[in-house]
Amino acid sequence: MLSLEVLTMANRLAREMGTQLEAVAMGPNAAAAAGILSSYGVSTLHVADDGRLADYAPAAWAHPIAELAGQVKPRVIIGTASDRGGEVMAHVATRMT
């Protein structure tokens, strides 16, 4: 699963940077991912638990990510290297400029 692979890499990067690894989970029941994510080094899970995010909608998914980034001011934001991940992150970047 690409998400777990990127978490492994992100955890390594966070350790090298001397910071905590935080993650975002989307959609209904997103908080259920907390257990597995903590085992990959996630210290804080931000949850966008909204039924409207259940289906793939890159612009809609980008909104809570960009909003959160504006609040917590992360040094790095990482998404999966998939078509969907790239599309969502492009929307995030557009919202943050």
Protein backbone atom coordinates (compact mmCIF):
# COMPACT_ATOMS: atom_id res chain seq x y z
CA MET A 1 0.00 0.00 0.00
CA LEU A 2 1.49 3.31 -1.10
CA SER A 3 0.30 5.17 1.98
CA LEU A 4 2.26 2.89 4.30
CA GLU A 5 5.34 3.10 2.09
CA VAL A 6 5.26 6.90 2.15
CA LEU A 7 4.76 6.83 5.93
CA THR A 8 7.89 4.72 6.32
CA MET A 9 9.89 7.24 4.29
CA ALA A 10 8.25 10.22 6.03
CA ASN A 11 8.99 8.76 9.46
CA ARG A 12 12.66 8.41 8.51
CA LEU A 13 12.70 12.02 7.25
CA ALA A 14 10.98 13.30 10.40
CA ARG A 15 13.58 11.58 12.58
CA GLU A 16 16.41 13.09 10.49
CA MET A 17 14.80 16.53 10.80
CA GLY A 18 14.25 16.08 14.56
CA THR A 19 10.51 16.59 14.33
CA GLN A 20 7.30 14.65 14.87
CA LEU A 21 5.47 12.88 12.04
CA GLU A 22 1.87 13.98 11.61
CA ALA A 23 -0.68 12.58 9.16
CA VAL A 24 -4.09 13.39 7.72
CA ALA A 25 -6.84 10.79 7.29
CA MET A 26 -9.92 11.59 5.20
CA GLY A 27 -13.50 10.49 5.08
CA PRO A 28 -16.00 8.73 7.30
CA ASN A 29 -14.39 6.66 10.04
CA ALA A 30 -10.96 8.15 9.24
CA ALA A 31 -10.03 8.02 12.93
CA ALA A 32 -10.04 4.23 12.72
CA ALA A 33 -6.64 4.50 11.00
CA ALA A 34 -4.99 5.81 14.18
CA GLY A 35 -3.75 2.41 15.38
CA ILE A 36 -1.95 1.39 12.22
CA LEU A 37 -0.61 4.89 11.64
CA SER A 38 0.90 5.10 15.11
CA SER A 39 2.76 1.87 14.41
CA TYR A 40 4.38 3.68 11.45
CA GLY A 41 5.55 6.54 13.65
CA VAL A 42 2.67 8.99 13.35
CA SER A 43 2.51 11.01 16.56
CA THR A 44 -0.52 13.11 15.62
CA LEU A 45 -3.38 12.12 13.34
CA HIS A 46 -5.48 14.94 11.95
CA VAL A 47 -8.89 13.65 10.89
CA ALA A 48 -11.17 15.10 8.22
CA ASP A 49 -14.18 12.93 9.10
CA ASP A 50 -16.75 14.18 6.65
CA GLY A 51 -19.05 11.96 4.61
CA ARG A 52 -18.60 14.24 1.61
CA LEU A 53 -14.93 13.16 1.48
CA ALA A 54 -15.79 9.45 1.13
CA ASP A 55 -15.47 9.46 -2.66
CA TYR A 56 -12.37 10.60 -4.53
CA ALA A 57 -12.57 14.35 -5.09
CA PRO A 58 -9.07 15.84 -5.33
CA ALA A 59 -10.08 19.49 -4.93
CA ALA A 60 -12.28 18.64 -1.95
CA TRP A 61 -9.55 16.49 -0.35
CA ALA A 62 -7.03 19.30 -0.83
CA HIS A 63 -9.11 21.78 1.15
CA PRO A 64 -8.65 20.30 4.65
CA ILE A 65 -4.97 19.53 3.94
CA ALA A 66 -4.20 23.10 2.86
CA GLU A 67 -6.25 24.51 5.74
CA LEU A 68 -4.38 22.34 8.24
CA ALA A 69 -1.03 23.28 6.70
CA GLY A 70 -1.92 26.94 7.17
CA GLN A 71 -2.54 26.27 10.86
CA VAL A 72 0.37 23.99 11.79
CA LYS A 73 2.97 25.38 9.33
CA PRO A 74 4.73 22.10 8.48
CA ARG A 75 8.23 22.21 7.05
CA VAL A 76 7.38 19.41 4.58
CA ILE A 77 4.14 18.01 3.15
CA ILE A 78 4.33 14.60 1.49
CA GLY A 79 1.76 12.69 -0.53
CA THR A 80 1.86 9.33 -2.24
CA ALA A 81 3.52 8.97 -5.63
CA SER A 82 0.33 7.87 -7.33
CA ASP A 83 -1.91 9.55 -9.88
CA ARG A 84 -4.38 10.41 -7.13
CA GLY A 85 -1.68 11.53 -4.70
CA GLY A 86 -0.13 13.77 -7.32
CA GLU A 87 -3.47 15.27 -8.24
CA VAL A 88 -4.44 15.98 -4.64
CA MET A 89 -1.03 17.48 -3.85
CA ALA A 90 -1.27 19.71 -6.95
CA HIS A 91 -4.57 21.05 -5.60
CA VAL A 92 -2.97 21.54 -2.17
CA ALA A 93 -0.09 23.50 -3.71
CA THR A 94 -2.53 25.67 -5.68
CA ARG A 95 -4.50 26.48 -2.55
CA MET A 96 -1.35 27.37 -0.63
CA THR A 97 0.09 29.85 -3.14
